[in-house]
Amino acid sequence: MTRCSEMSTKLSAYVDGELSERERERVRRHVVGCAVCAEELHELEETAALLGQLSEADPPDTLEPGLRRRIRRRAAGFLVLVALGLVALLPVLTMLNLVLRADLPLWARVGYATSMACFTGGLGLLVLHLLRNVRSLLLYGYLSGGGR
């Protein structure tokens, strides 16, 4: 005997015509002998019939401009993040190059490492502060051409 839980997962595919002929026959045989699954199948078929009667709705005229504005804002936010990342990465790589130079004395490399840590920490705090404010800047349209 086929379990109802197994058939229940196949009923929607049955209504949509997505099952093989063998599986369709299994579902048919089960539904004939199971009132619960027969009722569920009936409800799914009614729902599919009602959905088939719906007509397509035209999108509102404001949909496309609104989508374009949202895409511009997201692109602006992404560009800001990339720019901040590059600004933060370039000095760090430069300092790292100086720290790893073997021809410099140890005290100079330690000094560079200390200054790199201070600079990176300060820059990190600045980037975090700016990232927190990017969302509000985008919401007010400052980075996306004034909301056009």
C-alpha atoms as a PDB file:
ATOM      1  CA  MET A   1       0.000   0.000   0.000  1.00  0.00           C
ATOM      2  CA  THR A   2       1.309   3.431  -0.896  1.00  0.00           C
ATOM      3  CA  ARG A   3       1.527   5.894   1.965  1.00  0.00           C
ATOM      4  CA  CYS A   4      -0.442   9.136   1.846  1.00  0.00           C
ATOM      5  CA  SER A   5       2.618  11.221   2.751  1.00  0.00           C
ATOM      6  CA  GLU A   6       4.395   9.915  -0.349  1.00  0.00           C
ATOM      7  CA  MET A   7       1.386  10.591  -2.581  1.00  0.00           C
ATOM      8  CA  SER A   8       0.747  14.003  -1.104  1.00  0.00           C
ATOM      9  CA  THR A   9       4.099  15.211  -2.437  1.00  0.00           C
ATOM     10  CA  LYS A  10       3.201  13.962  -5.936  1.00  0.00           C
ATOM     11  CA  LEU A  11      -0.318  15.334  -6.231  1.00  0.00           C
ATOM     12  CA  SER A  12       0.739  18.786  -7.411  1.00  0.00           C
ATOM     13  CA  ALA A  13       3.052  17.275 -10.018  1.00  0.00           C
ATOM     14  CA  TYR A  14       0.150  15.027 -11.071  1.00  0.00           C
ATOM     15  CA  VAL A  15      -2.128  18.034 -11.621  1.00  0.00           C
ATOM     16  CA  ASP A  16       0.604  19.869 -13.515  1.00  0.00           C
ATOM     17  CA  GLY A  17       1.279  16.859 -15.785  1.00  0.00           C
ATOM     18  CA  GLU A  18       4.875  16.489 -14.608  1.00  0.00           C
ATOM     19  CA  LEU A  19       4.801  12.778 -13.715  1.00  0.00           C
ATOM     20  CA  SER A  20       5.711   9.829 -15.888  1.00  0.00           C
ATOM     21  CA  GLU A  21       2.843   7.597 -17.033  1.00  0.00           C
ATOM     22  CA  ARG A  22       3.873   4.956 -14.491  1.00  0.00           C
ATOM     23  CA  GLU A  23       3.823   7.481 -11.626  1.00  0.00           C
ATOM     24  CA  ARG A  24       0.518   8.937 -12.819  1.00  0.00           C
ATOM     25  CA  GLU A  25      -1.006   5.457 -12.686  1.00  0.00           C
ATOM     26  CA  ARG A  26       0.312   4.921  -9.130  1.00  0.00           C
ATOM     27  CA  VAL A  27      -1.275   8.215  -8.044  1.00  0.00           C
ATOM     28  CA  ARG A  28      -4.569   7.333  -9.771  1.00  0.00           C
ATOM     29  CA  ARG A  29      -4.751   3.936  -8.054  1.00  0.00           C
ATOM     30  CA  HIS A  30      -3.991   5.462  -4.660  1.00  0.00           C
ATOM     31  CA  VAL A  31      -6.506   8.286  -5.010  1.00  0.00           C
ATOM     32  CA  VAL A  32      -9.287   5.845  -5.910  1.00  0.00           C
ATOM     33  CA  GLY A  33      -8.858   4.106  -2.550  1.00  0.00           C
ATOM     34  CA  CYS A  34      -7.976   7.085  -0.334  1.00  0.00           C
ATOM     35  CA  ALA A  35     -10.585   9.721   0.466  1.00  0.00           C
ATOM     36  CA  VAL A  36      -8.058  12.107   2.044  1.00  0.00           C
ATOM     37  CA  CYS A  37      -5.795  12.191  -1.015  1.00  0.00           C
ATOM     38  CA  ALA A  38      -8.813  12.310  -3.345  1.00  0.00           C
ATOM     39  CA  GLU A  39     -10.028  15.437  -1.536  1.00  0.00           C
ATOM     40  CA  GLU A  40      -6.570  17.010  -1.700  1.00  0.00           C
ATOM     41  CA  LEU A  41      -6.327  16.218  -5.423  1.00  0.00           C
ATOM     42  CA  HIS A  42      -9.773  17.729  -5.981  1.00  0.00           C
ATOM     43  CA  GLU A  43      -8.730  20.939  -4.190  1.00  0.00           C
ATOM     44  CA  LEU A  44      -5.515  21.156  -6.230  1.00  0.00           C
ATOM     45  CA  GLU A  45      -7.458  20.676  -9.475  1.00  0.00           C
ATOM     46  CA  GLU A  46      -9.956  23.379  -8.478  1.00  0.00           C
ATOM     47  CA  THR A  47      -7.117  25.749  -7.601  1.00  0.00           C
ATOM     48  CA  ALA A  48      -5.391  25.076 -10.935  1.00  0.00           C
ATOM     49  CA  ALA A  49      -8.668  25.713 -12.772  1.00  0.00           C
ATOM     50  CA  LEU A  50      -9.226  28.999 -10.940  1.00  0.00           C
ATOM     51  CA  LEU A  51      -5.653  30.121 -11.622  1.00  0.00           C
ATOM     52  CA  GLY A  52      -6.138  29.266 -15.292  1.00  0.00           C
ATOM     53  CA  GLN A  53      -9.050  31.697 -15.459  1.00  0.00           C
ATOM     54  CA  LEU A  54      -6.989  34.656 -14.300  1.00  0.00           C
ATOM     55  CA  SER A  55      -5.938  37.143 -16.935  1.00  0.00           C
ATOM     56  CA  GLU A  56      -2.500  38.680 -17.075  1.00  0.00           C
ATOM     57  CA  ALA A  57      -2.258  42.034 -15.378  1.00  0.00           C
ATOM     58  CA  ASP A  58      -0.405  44.888 -16.999  1.00  0.00           C
ATOM     59  CA  PRO A  59       2.395  46.236 -14.827  1.00  0.00           C
ATOM     60  CA  PRO A  60       1.920  49.781 -13.541  1.00  0.00           C
ATOM     61  CA  ASP A  61       3.554  52.597 -15.522  1.00  0.00           C
ATOM     62  CA  THR A  62       5.769  53.437 -12.557  1.00  0.00           C
ATOM     63  CA  LEU A  63       7.330  49.962 -12.422  1.00  0.00           C
ATOM     64  CA  GLU A  64      10.141  50.436 -14.956  1.00  0.00           C
ATOM     65  CA  PRO A  65      11.343  53.859 -13.767  1.00  0.00           C
ATOM     66  CA  GLY A  66      11.233  52.591 -10.183  1.00  0.00           C
ATOM     67  CA  LEU A  67      13.293  49.534 -11.089  1.00  0.00           C
ATOM     68  CA  ARG A  68      15.812  51.631 -12.989  1.00  0.00           C
ATOM     69  CA  ARG A  69      16.185  53.942  -9.995  1.00  0.00           C
ATOM     70  CA  ARG A  70      16.728  51.005  -7.637  1.00  0.00           C
ATOM     71  CA  ILE A  71      19.309  49.460  -9.969  1.00  0.00           C
ATOM     72  CA  ARG A  72      21.186  52.777 -10.222  1.00  0.00           C
ATOM     73  CA  ARG A  73      21.192  53.125  -6.450  1.00  0.00           C
ATOM     74  CA  ARG A  74      22.499  49.606  -5.930  1.00  0.00           C
ATOM     75  CA  ALA A  75      25.158  50.093  -8.594  1.00  0.00           C
ATOM     76  CA  ALA A  76      26.224  53.338  -6.957  1.00  0.00           C
ATOM     77  CA  GLY A  77      26.445  51.607  -3.598  1.00  0.00           C
ATOM     78  CA  PHE A  78      28.519  48.800  -5.103  1.00  0.00           C
ATOM     79  CA  LEU A  79      30.879  51.284  -6.751  1.00  0.00           C
ATOM     80  CA  VAL A  80      31.300  53.100  -3.442  1.00  0.00           C
ATOM     81  CA  LEU A  81      32.197  49.825  -1.728  1.00  0.00           C
ATOM     82  CA  VAL A  82      34.698  48.896  -4.449  1.00  0.00           C
ATOM     83  CA  ALA A  83      36.288  52.346  -4.291  1.00  0.00           C
ATOM     84  CA  LEU A  84      36.566  52.174  -0.499  1.00  0.00           C
ATOM     85  CA  GLY A  85      38.092  48.721  -0.741  1.00  0.00           C
ATOM     86  CA  LEU A  86      40.700  49.876  -3.243  1.00  0.00           C
ATOM     87  CA  VAL A  87      41.485  52.973  -1.200  1.00  0.00           C
ATOM     88  CA  ALA A  88      42.010  50.794   1.866  1.00  0.00           C
ATOM     89  CA  LEU A  89      43.995  48.118   0.054  1.00  0.00           C
ATOM     90  CA  LEU A  90      46.589  50.238  -1.750  1.00  0.00           C
ATOM     91  CA  PRO A  91      48.275  51.812   1.297  1.00  0.00           C
ATOM     92  CA  VAL A  92      48.216  48.528   3.176  1.00  0.00           C
ATOM     93  CA  LEU A  93      49.969  46.741   0.320  1.00  0.00           C
ATOM     94  CA  THR A  94      52.528  49.514   0.066  1.00  0.00           C
ATOM     95  CA  MET A  95      53.276  49.351   3.803  1.00  0.00           C
ATOM     96  CA  LEU A  96      53.388  45.564   3.708  1.00  0.00           C
ATOM     97  CA  ASN A  97      55.973  45.756   0.946  1.00  0.00           C
ATOM     98  CA  LEU A  98      58.125  48.025   3.120  1.00  0.00           C
ATOM     99  CA  VAL A  99      57.775  45.757   6.169  1.00  0.00           C
ATOM    100  CA  LEU A 100      58.855  42.686   4.208  1.00  0.00           C
ATOM    101  CA  ARG A 101      61.971  44.291   2.717  1.00  0.00           C
ATOM    102  CA  ALA A 102      65.016  42.438   4.002  1.00  0.00           C
ATOM    103  CA  ASP A 103      67.410  45.297   3.179  1.00  0.00           C
ATOM    104  CA  LEU A 104      65.849  47.559   5.849  1.00  0.00           C
ATOM    105  CA  PRO A 105      67.017  47.342   9.439  1.00  0.00           C
ATOM    106  CA  LEU A 106      64.727  45.675  11.963  1.00  0.00           C
ATOM    107  CA  TRP A 107      63.868  48.942  13.744  1.00  0.00           C
ATOM    108  CA  ALA A 108      62.655  50.451  10.439  1.00  0.00           C
ATOM    109  CA  ARG A 109      60.516  47.427   9.656  1.00  0.00           C
ATOM    110  CA  VAL A 110      59.015  47.479  13.161  1.00  0.00           C
ATOM    111  CA  GLY A 111      58.285  51.183  12.731  1.00  0.00           C
ATOM    112  CA  TYR A 112      56.615  50.570   9.387  1.00  0.00           C
ATOM    113  CA  ALA A 113      54.604  47.693  10.873  1.00  0.00           C
ATOM    114  CA  THR A 114      53.444  49.897  13.753  1.00  0.00           C
ATOM    115  CA  SER A 115      52.475  52.727  11.449  1.00  0.00           C
ATOM    116  CA  MET A 116      50.723  50.245   9.147  1.00  0.00           C
ATOM    117  CA  ALA A 117      48.696  48.872  12.082  1.00  0.00           C
ATOM    118  CA  CYS A 118      47.676  52.384  13.180  1.00  0.00           C
ATOM    119  CA  PHE A 119      46.872  53.481   9.645  1.00  0.00           C
ATOM    120  CA  THR A 120      44.906  50.299   8.869  1.00  0.00           C
ATOM    121  CA  GLY A 121      42.955  50.559  12.124  1.00  0.00           C
ATOM    122  CA  GLY A 122      42.051  54.191  11.482  1.00  0.00           C
ATOM    123  CA  LEU A 123      41.189  53.488   7.870  1.00  0.00           C
ATOM    124  CA  GLY A 124      39.095  50.492   8.947  1.00  0.00           C
ATOM    125  CA  LEU A 125      37.110  52.657  11.349  1.00  0.00           C
ATOM    126  CA  LEU A 126      36.578  55.241   8.632  1.00  0.00           C
ATOM    127  CA  VAL A 127      35.403  52.598   6.150  1.00  0.00           C
ATOM    128  CA  LEU A 128      33.004  51.122   8.720  1.00  0.00           C
ATOM    129  CA  HIS A 129      31.603  54.571   9.426  1.00  0.00           C
ATOM    130  CA  LEU A 130      31.135  55.242   5.712  1.00  0.00           C
ATOM    131  CA  LEU A 131      29.553  51.846   5.116  1.00  0.00           C
ATOM    132  CA  ARG A 132      27.003  52.505   7.826  1.00  0.00           C
ATOM    133  CA  ASN A 133      26.077  55.741   6.078  1.00  0.00           C
ATOM    134  CA  VAL A 134      26.019  54.433   2.484  1.00  0.00           C
ATOM    135  CA  ARG A 135      22.492  53.115   2.958  1.00  0.00           C
ATOM    136  CA  SER A 136      21.166  56.447   4.151  1.00  0.00           C
ATOM    137  CA  LEU A 137      23.025  58.272   1.388  1.00  0.00           C
ATOM    138  CA  LEU A 138      21.473  55.959  -1.181  1.00  0.00           C
ATOM    139  CA  LEU A 139      18.026  56.326   0.323  1.00  0.00           C
ATOM    140  CA  TYR A 140      18.213  60.084  -0.030  1.00  0.00           C
ATOM    141  CA  GLY A 141      19.554  59.790  -3.557  1.00  0.00           C
ATOM    142  CA  TYR A 142      22.835  61.627  -3.021  1.00  0.00           C
ATOM    143  CA  LEU A 143      24.836  58.917  -4.773  1.00  0.00           C
ATOM    144  CA  SER A 144      22.366  58.095  -7.528  1.00  0.00           C
ATOM    145  CA  GLY A 145      21.914  61.349  -9.382  1.00  0.00           C
ATOM    146  CA  GLY A 146      19.317  62.913  -7.124  1.00  0.00           C
ATOM    147  CA  GLY A 147      16.782  60.122  -7.605  1.00  0.00           C
ATOM    148  CA  ARG A 148      16.423  60.609 -11.353  1.00  0.00           C
END
